[in-house]
Amino acid sequence: MVFLVILFLLLPSLSWALPLKSAELFVHSVKKGSFCSENFKGLFKTDLKEPALLLYLDNCSDPVPEPENLYGKLKLASILREKGKEKEARELYLKVFSLTNNLDEDILTANRGDVSFLFRPEVLRQKVWLAAKNGNTDTALFYLSYLRDDPYYTYLLAYVFLKERKRALARELFSASLPNERYFFLMFLSSNPVEKFDFYTKLMRSSDRISFKKVATVYILDRFFNRDLGLFRRALPYARVFPEIYNYYLARYYALTGNCRGLKSLSSRSETAGALYSVCSGKKWRGSSVDFYTLLLSPPRKFPYSKKKAFSRLKLKDKGLRFLYNQGFCSAISFIDRPSPQNALAQYLCGNYREGIKLAAPFKKKLKRYPYLLPVLYPKPPVFGSDIVSLSIARQESLFDGRALSRSGAIGLMQIMPQTGKHIARKLKVRNFKVHHLYRPEVNYRFGSYYIHSLLKEFKLFPLSAAAYNCGPTRIRRALREFGKVKTPGDLILFTDVYIPFQETRDYVKRTYVNLYYYSNLYGKGTEWRIFSHR
């Protein structure tokens, strides 16, 4: 029993490590070009499985375990077909075909003799949805042409037209379609508040997916909160099935109507209610972590972490990862997706900032133990220099993924919309600007930095500027005209939670302000986050 207790106490100190022998075998095999040996196949049982499988499939002809990488799956399907294993090959082709539109040409070419096994209705519906969502209208219509007799045809065609911004035609088709999901889109497309409410109630009473109902609830409550409090009060009871959402919007309503007692009653169930109660009552806020409310209502006197320890320990102790890194094999490291402090650090050192942040996130509460994870969680890519404002925005926008492309078409590190890019290019007098230039980190940073700093000049406070960056300056100007001037931390909390019209933007403001706190303390003067002069 004592042994078990000791083992339990030791478990937190035990961590994953990449065996040095595995790393050495991988590097040796790559340098020698020897990938088909049984020895190399041993890597399939290690964390180097993915890069090893890709190399094996590119150079050898025997079937191997199925890789996660979609390109690898196609290579394996081709090998299986060559070996006469047609059933297994088709299953793989079908799997990849149903997951993405990016490899369609390869798959259709490989199966040009017979694609009937690919063109199943349930797969084609998914293909149409994916293509339309990503703005590939021609691809969506191509696959939709094979679904003319399918019960989802009209619904999917309506979705294609919606993504093309043909709202009137989309609404007409959604009205004529059968799936319950149509109520969600009809609610969104309707301009009549009462009609919106009617479609929302029909959706909530239907057997539709809970995810649709959740998104619809947030949308309708935000919409009515800002435009029709009567309908807001009628819609709110439907949100009870989502207690967190219900409590949040009820707290917003109490704050708007000045119901301090109501906020107090909610404070144990909703962090927002607790913060708003602190603002309205003047009672001290007792935050337990570094978050938006704590930074404003009970700001820490000093940064709780040691910068010296954070930056002096950026050295890989994991022998396998260190060997790969020193040999210049960051491409192999990028395939290792196991969450661990050392793997997160390896990704960071290789410049894979997005993966580093994701892999380090589970250990954020252990920064005292792993101080080197601070710069991993809040990296400073060279292109940003000392611009902590842009760093705070870019971390939230893309996690520093220069190839990021959002569903709405925003591009690159700072997620700049094409039209915004063209506008900024004119302002900066950039000649021969093309939208694809926004994929260049230096261009994206220059444009995004110009934009956020111009907003900062107008709105003065970083959180207001961040809000304008996210949902547009016009909406924030309108909200400020209604609210008045933001003079105190309490004003900022009230404005953010009650007057900013979209949940996405409210969350964005809170997260980017926390980002500013960390970037200020890690790379700035440590005071930039203190945005009110009396603090």
Protein backbone atom coordinates (compact mmCIF):
# COMPACT_ATOMS: atom_id res chain seq x y z
CA MET A 1 0.00 0.00 0.00
CA VAL A 2 2.82 2.40 0.91
CA PHE A 3 4.50 1.57 -2.42
CA LEU A 4 1.31 2.51 -4.32
CA VAL A 5 1.05 5.82 -2.47
CA ILE A 6 4.70 6.64 -3.28
CA LEU A 7 4.16 5.66 -6.93
CA PHE A 8 1.07 7.90 -7.08
CA LEU A 9 3.07 10.82 -5.70
CA LEU A 10 5.81 10.23 -8.25
CA LEU A 11 3.48 10.00 -11.25
CA PRO A 12 3.35 13.78 -11.91
CA SER A 13 7.15 13.81 -12.31
CA LEU A 14 7.10 11.04 -14.91
CA SER A 15 6.89 12.32 -18.48
CA TRP A 16 7.01 10.99 -22.01
CA ALA A 17 10.36 10.94 -23.80
CA LEU A 18 11.36 10.11 -27.36
CA PRO A 19 13.96 7.28 -27.22
CA LEU A 20 17.34 8.39 -28.53
CA LYS A 21 17.73 5.09 -30.41
CA SER A 22 14.53 5.78 -32.36
CA ALA A 23 15.73 9.26 -33.31
CA GLU A 24 19.14 7.95 -34.35
CA LEU A 25 17.62 5.17 -36.46
CA PHE A 26 15.32 7.64 -38.21
CA VAL A 27 18.12 10.11 -39.04
CA HIS A 28 20.51 7.32 -40.13
CA SER A 29 17.85 5.82 -42.42
CA VAL A 30 17.08 9.17 -44.04
CA LYS A 31 20.75 9.91 -44.67
CA LYS A 32 21.34 6.45 -46.12
CA GLY A 33 18.01 6.29 -47.97
CA SER A 34 17.23 2.91 -46.40
CA PHE A 35 13.53 2.77 -45.60
CA CYS A 36 12.40 -0.76 -46.44
CA SER A 37 14.20 -2.74 -43.75
CA GLU A 38 12.56 -4.52 -40.84
CA ASN A 39 14.67 -2.34 -38.58
CA PHE A 40 13.08 0.81 -40.03
CA LYS A 41 9.61 -0.73 -39.69
CA GLY A 42 10.24 -0.77 -35.95
CA LEU A 43 9.67 3.00 -36.00
CA PHE A 44 6.00 2.35 -36.81
CA LYS A 45 5.51 1.55 -33.13
CA THR A 46 7.07 4.81 -31.94
CA ASP A 47 6.11 8.48 -31.98
CA LEU A 48 7.99 8.77 -35.27
CA LYS A 49 5.36 6.56 -36.90
CA GLU A 50 3.87 9.22 -39.19
CA PRO A 51 7.07 10.52 -40.85
CA ALA A 52 8.42 6.94 -41.01
CA LEU A 53 5.24 5.70 -42.71
CA LEU A 54 5.34 8.48 -45.30
CA LEU A 55 8.96 7.71 -46.15
CA TYR A 56 8.22 3.99 -46.31
CA LEU A 57 5.18 4.47 -48.57
CA ASP A 58 7.16 6.71 -50.91
CA ASN A 59 9.99 4.21 -51.27
CA CYS A 60 8.71 0.70 -50.58
CA SER A 61 5.91 -1.48 -51.92
CA ASP A 62 4.63 -3.50 -48.97
CA PRO A 63 1.40 -2.64 -47.12
CA VAL A 64 1.96 -1.04 -43.71
CA PRO A 65 -0.25 0.31 -40.88
CA GLU A 66 -2.62 3.09 -41.94
CA PRO A 67 -1.12 6.56 -41.42
CA GLU A 68 -3.05 9.55 -40.06
CA ASN A 69 -1.80 11.77 -42.87
CA LEU A 70 -4.30 11.87 -45.75
CA TYR A 71 -1.61 11.83 -48.41
CA GLY A 72 -0.15 8.75 -46.73
CA LYS A 73 -3.56 7.07 -46.80
CA LEU A 74 -3.70 7.58 -50.58
CA LYS A 75 -0.23 6.13 -51.03
CA LEU A 76 -1.25 3.10 -48.97
CA ALA A 77 -4.46 2.69 -51.00
CA SER A 78 -2.39 2.62 -54.19
CA ILE A 79 -0.07 -0.04 -52.77
CA LEU A 80 -3.01 -2.15 -51.57
CA ARG A 81 -4.53 -2.03 -55.06
CA GLU A 82 -1.24 -3.11 -56.62
CA LYS A 83 -1.20 -6.06 -54.21
CA GLY A 84 -4.69 -7.08 -55.34
CA LYS A 85 -6.39 -5.95 -52.12
CA GLU A 86 -9.10 -3.99 -53.92
CA LYS A 87 -11.62 -3.96 -51.06
CA GLU A 88 -9.13 -2.45 -48.59
CA ALA A 89 -7.93 0.04 -51.21
CA ARG A 90 -11.45 1.25 -51.92
CA GLU A 91 -12.20 1.66 -48.23
CA LEU A 92 -9.18 3.96 -47.90
CA TYR A 93 -10.01 5.96 -51.03
CA LEU A 94 -13.56 6.40 -49.73
CA LYS A 95 -12.35 7.49 -46.31
CA VAL A 96 -10.10 10.22 -47.72
CA PHE A 97 -12.71 11.26 -50.29
CA SER A 98 -15.28 11.83 -47.55
CA LEU A 99 -12.92 13.91 -45.39
CA THR A 100 -11.60 16.54 -47.81
CA ASN A 101 -12.01 18.11 -51.23
CA ASN A 102 -8.31 18.89 -51.54
CA LEU A 103 -7.31 15.46 -52.91
CA ASP A 104 -10.30 14.86 -55.18
CA GLU A 105 -8.35 15.04 -58.44
CA ASP A 106 -5.89 12.39 -57.25
CA ILE A 107 -8.66 10.10 -56.03
CA LEU A 108 -10.89 10.46 -59.11
CA THR A 109 -7.91 9.91 -61.41
CA ALA A 110 -6.87 6.79 -59.52
CA ASN A 111 -10.43 5.42 -59.82
CA ARG A 112 -11.42 6.76 -63.23
CA GLY A 113 -12.64 3.32 -64.30
CA ASP A 114 -15.31 3.20 -61.57
CA VAL A 115 -16.18 5.98 -59.12
CA SER A 116 -19.62 4.62 -58.18
CA PHE A 117 -18.33 3.36 -54.83
CA LEU A 118 -17.24 6.94 -54.02
CA PHE A 119 -20.42 8.68 -55.12
CA ARG A 120 -22.64 7.50 -52.31
CA PRO A 121 -25.37 9.99 -51.30
CA GLU A 122 -24.16 10.34 -47.69
CA VAL A 123 -20.61 11.02 -48.93
CA LEU A 124 -21.67 13.46 -51.64
CA ARG A 125 -23.74 15.45 -49.12
CA GLN A 126 -20.62 15.87 -47.02
CA LYS A 127 -18.61 16.85 -50.12
CA VAL A 128 -21.14 19.53 -51.06
CA TRP A 129 -21.21 20.90 -47.52
CA LEU A 130 -17.41 21.06 -47.25
CA ALA A 131 -17.00 22.71 -50.65
CA ALA A 132 -19.70 25.32 -50.03
CA LYS A 133 -18.39 26.10 -46.54
CA ASN A 134 -14.94 26.77 -47.99
CA GLY A 135 -16.27 28.92 -50.82
CA ASN A 136 -15.69 26.35 -53.60
CA THR A 137 -19.04 26.84 -55.33
CA ASP A 138 -18.14 25.07 -58.58
CA THR A 139 -17.03 21.97 -56.68
CA ALA A 140 -20.18 22.05 -54.54
CA LEU A 141 -22.46 22.29 -57.58
CA PHE A 142 -20.56 19.51 -59.36
CA TYR A 143 -21.22 17.03 -56.56
CA LEU A 144 -24.72 18.36 -56.02
CA SER A 145 -25.59 17.49 -59.63
CA TYR A 146 -25.39 13.81 -58.60
CA LEU A 147 -27.96 14.35 -55.84
CA ARG A 148 -30.92 15.69 -57.81
CA ASP A 149 -33.23 12.96 -56.50
CA ASP A 150 -31.85 13.11 -52.97
CA PRO A 151 -34.13 14.47 -50.17
CA TYR A 152 -31.31 16.84 -49.13
CA TYR A 153 -30.86 18.35 -52.60
CA THR A 154 -32.91 21.52 -52.06
CA TYR A 155 -31.45 22.06 -48.59
CA LEU A 156 -27.86 21.73 -49.84
CA LEU A 157 -28.52 23.97 -52.85
CA ALA A 158 -29.91 26.58 -50.46
CA TYR A 159 -26.71 26.35 -48.40
CA VAL A 160 -24.58 26.84 -51.52
CA PHE A 161 -26.53 29.99 -52.41
CA LEU A 162 -26.28 31.23 -48.81
CA LYS A 163 -22.48 30.95 -48.93
CA GLU A 164 -22.60 32.89 -52.21
CA ARG A 165 -24.53 35.62 -50.37
CA LYS A 166 -27.65 35.10 -52.48
CA ARG A 167 -29.86 35.45 -49.44
CA ALA A 168 -33.27 35.77 -51.11
CA LEU A 169 -32.78 32.68 -53.23
CA ALA A 170 -31.32 30.77 -50.29
CA ARG A 171 -34.30 31.62 -48.12
CA GLU A 172 -36.76 30.49 -50.78
CA LEU A 173 -34.99 27.15 -51.11
CA PHE A 174 -34.63 26.61 -47.36
CA SER A 175 -38.38 27.19 -47.02
CA ALA A 176 -38.98 24.42 -49.56
CA SER A 177 -36.54 21.95 -47.99
CA LEU A 178 -37.31 19.19 -45.49
CA PRO A 179 -34.56 18.86 -42.80
CA ASN A 180 -35.18 20.52 -39.43
CA GLU A 181 -31.90 22.39 -39.85
CA ARG A 182 -33.77 24.69 -42.25
CA TYR A 183 -35.23 26.50 -39.23
CA PHE A 184 -31.73 27.58 -38.21
CA PHE A 185 -31.01 29.15 -41.57
CA LEU A 186 -34.50 30.63 -41.94
CA MET A 187 -34.06 32.23 -38.51
CA PHE A 188 -30.74 33.68 -39.66
CA LEU A 189 -32.09 34.93 -43.01
CA SER A 190 -35.32 36.46 -41.78
CA SER A 191 -35.38 40.25 -41.24
CA ASN A 192 -38.60 40.16 -39.24
CA PRO A 193 -37.92 39.82 -35.45
CA VAL A 194 -41.18 37.98 -34.69
CA GLU A 195 -40.56 35.61 -37.59
CA LYS A 196 -36.99 35.02 -36.33
CA PHE A 197 -38.39 34.11 -32.93
CA ASP A 198 -40.92 31.75 -34.50
CA PHE A 199 -38.24 29.90 -36.48
CA TYR A 200 -36.07 29.73 -33.34
CA THR A 201 -38.85 28.13 -31.27
CA LYS A 202 -39.52 25.60 -34.04
CA LEU A 203 -35.84 24.69 -34.11
CA MET A 204 -35.70 24.29 -30.32
CA ARG A 205 -38.79 22.06 -30.33
CA SER A 206 -37.49 19.89 -33.15
CA SER A 207 -35.26 16.82 -32.91
CA ASP A 208 -32.42 18.65 -34.63
CA ARG A 209 -28.79 18.41 -33.54
CA ILE A 210 -27.94 20.02 -30.19
CA SER A 211 -25.01 21.86 -31.80
CA PHE A 212 -27.37 23.74 -34.13
CA LYS A 213 -29.64 24.64 -31.22
CA LYS A 214 -26.72 25.92 -29.16
CA VAL A 215 -25.40 28.20 -31.92
CA ALA A 216 -28.94 29.40 -32.64
CA THR A 217 -29.52 30.24 -28.97
CA VAL A 218 -26.43 32.43 -28.75
CA TYR A 219 -27.31 34.12 -32.05
CA ILE A 220 -30.94 34.86 -31.16
CA LEU A 221 -30.18 36.08 -27.62
CA ASP A 222 -27.45 38.42 -28.88
CA ARG A 223 -29.75 39.68 -31.62
CA PHE A 224 -32.71 40.40 -29.37
CA PHE A 225 -30.63 41.72 -26.48
CA ASN A 226 -29.42 44.55 -28.67
CA ARG A 227 -32.66 45.18 -30.56
CA ASP A 228 -35.76 43.93 -28.75
CA LEU A 229 -35.70 43.19 -25.02
CA GLY A 230 -39.28 41.98 -25.12
CA LEU A 231 -38.41 39.18 -27.51
CA PHE A 232 -35.19 38.61 -25.57
CA ARG A 233 -37.21 37.87 -22.43
CA ARG A 234 -39.45 35.49 -24.42
CA ALA A 235 -36.47 33.66 -25.95
CA LEU A 236 -34.39 33.38 -22.76
CA PRO A 237 -36.36 30.48 -21.16
CA TYR A 238 -35.49 28.28 -24.16
CA ALA A 239 -31.82 28.66 -23.20
CA ARG A 240 -32.36 26.79 -19.91
CA VAL A 241 -31.24 23.61 -21.66
CA PHE A 242 -27.80 25.27 -21.81
CA PRO A 243 -27.29 26.45 -18.18
CA GLU A 244 -24.00 28.24 -18.88
CA ILE A 245 -25.54 30.24 -21.74
CA TYR A 246 -28.72 30.93 -19.77
CA ASN A 247 -26.85 32.24 -16.72
CA TYR A 248 -24.54 34.37 -18.87
CA TYR A 249 -27.35 36.14 -20.75
CA LEU A 250 -29.44 36.54 -17.62
CA ALA A 251 -26.42 38.24 -16.00
CA ARG A 252 -26.11 40.56 -19.02
CA TYR A 253 -29.79 41.44 -18.66
CA TYR A 254 -29.49 42.12 -14.93
CA ALA A 255 -26.48 44.36 -15.58
CA LEU A 256 -28.30 46.28 -18.30
CA THR A 257 -31.31 46.86 -16.06
CA GLY A 258 -29.21 47.66 -12.98
CA ASN A 259 -30.42 44.63 -11.00
CA CYS A 260 -27.49 44.25 -8.60
CA ARG A 261 -29.42 41.83 -6.39
CA GLY A 262 -30.07 39.57 -9.36
CA LEU A 263 -26.37 39.58 -10.21
CA LYS A 264 -25.56 38.58 -6.65
CA SER A 265 -27.91 35.62 -6.85
CA LEU A 266 -26.18 34.47 -10.04
CA SER A 267 -22.61 35.14 -8.97
CA SER A 268 -21.96 31.59 -7.76
CA ARG A 269 -23.10 30.15 -11.10
CA SER A 270 -21.54 32.61 -13.54
CA GLU A 271 -18.12 34.26 -13.50
CA THR A 272 -19.50 37.11 -15.60
CA ALA A 273 -22.30 37.66 -13.07
CA GLY A 274 -19.75 37.70 -10.25
CA ALA A 275 -17.62 40.32 -12.00
CA LEU A 276 -20.63 42.47 -12.91
CA TYR A 277 -21.87 42.20 -9.31
CA SER A 278 -18.46 43.39 -8.11
CA VAL A 279 -18.75 46.39 -10.45
CA CYS A 280 -22.29 47.33 -9.43
CA SER A 281 -21.80 46.76 -5.68
CA GLY A 282 -18.26 48.03 -5.30
CA LYS A 283 -17.28 44.84 -3.48
CA LYS A 284 -13.83 43.39 -4.02
CA TRP A 285 -13.37 40.87 -6.80
CA ARG A 286 -11.63 37.70 -5.71
CA GLY A 287 -10.26 36.21 -8.87
CA SER A 288 -8.33 32.95 -8.66
CA SER A 289 -6.43 33.15 -11.95
CA VAL A 290 -5.01 35.59 -14.48
CA ASP A 291 -8.10 36.47 -16.50
CA PHE A 292 -9.84 39.54 -17.91
CA TYR A 293 -11.81 40.31 -14.77
CA THR A 294 -8.93 39.80 -12.35
CA LEU A 295 -6.56 41.98 -14.40
CA LEU A 296 -9.10 44.81 -14.25
CA LEU A 297 -10.64 44.44 -10.78
CA SER A 298 -7.84 42.91 -8.73
CA PRO A 299 -4.65 43.38 -10.78
CA PRO A 300 -1.58 41.41 -9.64
CA ARG A 301 1.13 43.60 -8.13
CA LYS A 302 3.84 41.73 -9.97
CA PHE A 303 4.23 39.09 -12.65
CA PRO A 304 3.94 35.71 -10.90
CA TYR A 305 6.65 34.04 -13.00
CA SER A 306 10.38 34.46 -13.40
CA LYS A 307 11.40 35.74 -16.84
CA LYS A 308 14.96 34.69 -16.14
CA LYS A 309 13.96 31.08 -15.54
CA ALA A 310 11.62 31.12 -18.54
CA PHE A 311 14.28 32.15 -21.03
CA SER A 312 17.30 30.49 -19.47
CA ARG A 313 15.80 27.02 -19.69
CA LEU A 314 14.91 26.90 -23.38
CA LYS A 315 17.02 23.80 -23.82
CA LEU A 316 15.81 20.37 -24.82
CA LYS A 317 16.49 17.75 -22.17
CA ASP A 318 14.71 15.01 -24.08
CA LYS A 319 17.58 13.16 -25.78
CA GLY A 320 15.59 11.95 -28.77
CA LEU A 321 14.03 15.31 -29.55
CA ARG A 322 17.34 17.09 -28.96
CA PHE A 323 19.09 14.76 -31.41
CA LEU A 324 16.45 15.38 -34.12
CA TYR A 325 16.60 19.12 -33.53
CA ASN A 326 20.40 19.30 -33.63
CA GLN A 327 20.40 17.26 -36.84
CA GLY A 328 17.98 19.70 -38.47
CA PHE A 329 15.02 17.28 -38.56
CA CYS A 330 12.29 19.72 -37.54
CA SER A 331 10.11 18.27 -40.29
CA ALA A 332 10.03 14.99 -38.37
CA ILE A 333 9.41 16.75 -35.05
CA SER A 334 6.38 18.48 -36.58
CA PHE A 335 4.66 15.06 -36.91
CA ILE A 336 4.98 14.25 -33.20
CA ASP A 337 1.68 15.28 -31.63
CA ARG A 338 2.01 13.90 -28.12
CA PRO A 339 1.26 16.61 -25.49
CA SER A 340 4.33 17.04 -23.29
CA PRO A 341 6.38 20.01 -22.08
CA GLN A 342 9.48 18.88 -23.98
CA ASN A 343 7.62 18.21 -27.21
CA ALA A 344 5.96 21.63 -26.94
CA LEU A 345 9.41 23.19 -26.50
CA ALA A 346 10.77 21.27 -29.50
CA GLN A 347 7.95 22.56 -31.69
CA TYR A 348 8.63 26.10 -30.49
CA LEU A 349 12.36 25.85 -31.21
CA CYS A 350 11.53 24.56 -34.70
CA GLY A 351 9.27 27.55 -35.32
CA ASN A 352 6.09 25.44 -35.20
CA TYR A 353 4.47 27.98 -32.89
CA ARG A 354 0.88 26.84 -33.37
CA GLU A 355 1.67 23.24 -32.46
CA GLY A 356 3.87 24.37 -29.58
CA ILE A 357 1.02 26.39 -28.07
CA LYS A 358 -1.46 23.53 -28.45
CA LEU A 359 0.87 20.95 -26.94
CA ALA A 360 1.82 23.24 -24.04
CA ALA A 361 -1.78 24.27 -23.21
CA PRO A 362 -2.55 21.24 -20.97
CA PHE A 363 0.42 22.23 -18.77
CA LYS A 364 -0.44 25.92 -18.33
CA LYS A 365 -1.29 25.38 -14.67
CA LYS A 366 2.20 23.94 -14.12
CA LEU A 367 4.24 26.93 -15.29
CA LYS A 368 6.09 27.09 -11.97
CA ARG A 369 7.35 23.58 -12.69
CA TYR A 370 7.93 24.17 -16.42
CA PRO A 371 8.82 27.89 -16.66
CA TYR A 372 10.17 27.45 -20.19
CA LEU A 373 6.61 26.91 -21.39
CA LEU A 374 5.89 30.63 -20.96
CA PRO A 375 7.62 31.68 -24.20
CA VAL A 376 6.21 28.54 -25.83
CA LEU A 377 2.67 29.59 -24.92
CA TYR A 378 3.39 33.22 -25.80
CA PRO A 379 5.96 33.08 -28.60
CA LYS A 380 7.46 36.05 -30.41
CA PRO A 381 8.11 35.19 -34.07
CA PRO A 382 10.96 37.37 -35.41
CA VAL A 383 8.77 39.25 -37.89
CA PHE A 384 6.90 40.93 -34.99
CA GLY A 385 9.95 42.54 -33.40
CA SER A 386 8.89 44.15 -30.12
CA ASP A 387 5.32 44.88 -31.22
CA ILE A 388 3.45 43.35 -28.28
CA VAL A 389 0.11 44.78 -29.42
CA SER A 390 0.25 42.92 -32.74
CA LEU A 391 1.56 39.80 -30.98
CA SER A 392 -1.47 39.83 -28.68
CA ILE A 393 -3.79 40.03 -31.69
CA ALA A 394 -2.00 37.48 -33.88
CA ARG A 395 -1.90 34.86 -31.13
CA GLN A 396 -5.67 34.95 -30.90
CA GLU A 397 -6.21 35.23 -34.65
CA SER A 398 -4.09 32.36 -35.94
CA LEU A 399 -1.76 31.01 -33.22
CA PHE A 400 0.93 32.35 -35.58
CA ASP A 401 -0.02 30.11 -38.48
CA GLY A 402 1.04 32.08 -41.55
CA ARG A 403 -0.98 29.79 -43.86
CA ALA A 404 -4.23 30.15 -41.92
CA LEU A 405 -7.38 30.73 -43.96
CA SER A 406 -10.67 31.18 -42.12
CA ARG A 407 -14.11 30.15 -43.38
CA SER A 408 -14.87 33.83 -43.99
CA GLY A 409 -11.73 34.24 -46.10
CA ALA A 410 -9.43 35.94 -43.57
CA ILE A 411 -5.78 35.27 -44.36
CA GLY A 412 -2.51 34.67 -42.55
CA LEU A 413 -0.94 35.57 -39.22
CA MET A 414 -3.30 38.42 -38.39
CA GLN A 415 -6.29 37.08 -40.36
CA ILE A 416 -6.75 39.98 -42.75
CA MET A 417 -9.79 39.98 -45.04
CA PRO A 418 -9.00 40.52 -48.74
CA GLN A 419 -10.94 43.81 -48.93
CA THR A 420 -9.23 45.07 -45.77
CA GLY A 421 -5.89 44.12 -47.30
CA LYS A 422 -6.67 46.13 -50.43
CA HIS A 423 -7.71 49.11 -48.31
CA ILE A 424 -4.53 48.98 -46.23
CA ALA A 425 -2.41 48.59 -49.37
CA ARG A 426 -3.82 51.89 -50.64
CA LYS A 427 -3.17 53.55 -47.29
CA LEU A 428 0.43 52.29 -47.23
CA LYS A 429 0.85 53.07 -50.96
CA VAL A 430 1.88 49.50 -51.72
CA ARG A 431 2.07 49.03 -55.48
CA ASN A 432 1.00 45.89 -57.33
CA PHE A 433 -0.60 44.39 -54.23
CA LYS A 434 -2.26 41.00 -54.71
CA VAL A 435 -4.43 39.27 -52.12
CA HIS A 436 -2.15 36.20 -52.04
CA HIS A 437 0.65 38.47 -50.78
CA LEU A 438 -1.11 38.31 -47.40
CA TYR A 439 0.28 34.79 -47.01
CA ARG A 440 3.74 36.34 -46.74
CA PRO A 441 4.42 36.79 -42.99
CA GLU A 442 6.18 40.14 -43.41
CA VAL A 443 3.32 41.55 -45.53
CA ASN A 444 0.61 40.21 -43.25
CA TYR A 445 2.34 41.56 -40.16
CA ARG A 446 2.93 44.97 -41.75
CA PHE A 447 -0.71 45.31 -42.80
CA GLY A 448 -2.16 43.89 -39.57
CA SER A 449 0.13 46.01 -37.42
CA TYR A 450 -0.83 49.14 -39.32
CA TYR A 451 -4.51 48.33 -38.85
CA ILE A 452 -4.49 47.54 -35.11
CA HIS A 453 -2.27 50.53 -34.31
CA SER A 454 -4.55 52.85 -36.31
CA LEU A 455 -7.49 51.52 -34.29
CA LEU A 456 -5.50 52.09 -31.09
CA LYS A 457 -5.02 55.74 -32.06
CA GLU A 458 -8.78 56.11 -32.43
CA PHE A 459 -10.09 54.04 -29.52
CA LYS A 460 -7.16 54.65 -27.08
CA LEU A 461 -7.74 51.50 -24.99
CA PHE A 462 -6.38 48.18 -26.27
CA PRO A 463 -9.55 46.13 -25.50
CA LEU A 464 -11.71 48.57 -27.48
CA SER A 465 -9.25 48.47 -30.37
CA ALA A 466 -9.22 44.66 -30.25
CA ALA A 467 -13.03 44.66 -30.37
CA ALA A 468 -12.95 46.92 -33.43
CA TYR A 469 -10.35 44.66 -35.07
CA ASN A 470 -12.64 41.68 -34.58
CA CYS A 471 -16.11 42.97 -35.49
CA GLY A 472 -15.35 46.25 -37.24
CA PRO A 473 -14.88 49.80 -35.93
CA THR A 474 -18.37 50.94 -36.99
CA ARG A 475 -20.09 48.56 -34.57
CA ILE A 476 -17.83 49.61 -31.69
CA ARG A 477 -18.36 53.31 -32.42
CA ARG A 478 -22.11 52.68 -32.35
CA ALA A 479 -21.86 50.77 -29.05
CA LEU A 480 -19.75 53.55 -27.49
CA ARG A 481 -22.28 56.19 -28.53
CA GLU A 482 -24.90 54.21 -26.62
CA PHE A 483 -22.71 53.50 -23.58
CA GLY A 484 -20.62 56.65 -23.28
CA LYS A 485 -16.94 57.02 -22.49
CA VAL A 486 -15.07 54.12 -20.92
CA LYS A 487 -13.20 55.70 -18.00
CA THR A 488 -12.67 52.93 -15.43
CA PRO A 489 -12.02 49.18 -15.26
CA GLY A 490 -15.64 48.72 -14.23
CA ASP A 491 -16.78 50.69 -17.27
CA LEU A 492 -14.73 48.43 -19.51
CA ILE A 493 -16.23 45.27 -18.01
CA LEU A 494 -19.75 46.64 -18.30
CA PHE A 495 -19.17 47.81 -21.88
CA THR A 496 -17.58 44.52 -22.91
CA ASP A 497 -20.17 42.20 -21.41
CA VAL A 498 -23.29 44.26 -22.00
CA TYR A 499 -22.78 46.58 -24.97
CA ILE A 500 -20.52 44.68 -27.39
CA PRO A 501 -23.08 42.95 -29.65
CA PHE A 502 -21.43 39.57 -30.38
CA GLN A 503 -20.29 36.79 -28.07
CA GLU A 504 -17.35 36.06 -30.35
CA THR A 505 -16.12 39.64 -29.95
CA ARG A 506 -16.68 39.69 -26.19
CA ASP A 507 -14.58 36.52 -25.84
CA TYR A 508 -12.00 37.96 -28.23
CA VAL A 509 -11.58 41.09 -26.12
CA LYS A 510 -11.05 39.05 -22.96
CA ARG A 511 -8.51 36.69 -24.49
CA THR A 512 -6.46 39.32 -26.30
CA TYR A 513 -6.24 41.42 -23.14
CA VAL A 514 -4.84 38.42 -21.24
CA ASN A 515 -2.42 37.97 -24.16
CA LEU A 516 -1.33 41.60 -23.74
CA TYR A 517 -0.65 40.99 -20.05
CA TYR A 518 1.70 38.10 -20.79
CA TYR A 519 3.41 39.77 -23.75
CA SER A 520 3.86 42.97 -21.78
CA ASN A 521 5.59 41.11 -18.96
CA LEU A 522 7.64 38.81 -21.19
CA TYR A 523 8.80 41.21 -23.90
CA GLY A 524 7.71 44.71 -22.96
CA LYS A 525 8.06 47.04 -20.01
CA GLY A 526 5.59 45.09 -17.91
CA THR A 527 3.24 48.07 -17.74
CA GLU A 528 1.58 48.20 -21.17
CA TRP A 529 -1.33 46.09 -19.98
CA ARG A 530 -2.14 48.67 -17.28
CA ILE A 531 -4.43 50.63 -19.56
CA PHE A 532 -5.98 52.95 -16.97
CA SER A 533 -3.75 55.82 -15.82
CA HIS A 534 -4.72 55.65 -12.13
CA ARG A 535 -3.40 52.11 -11.96
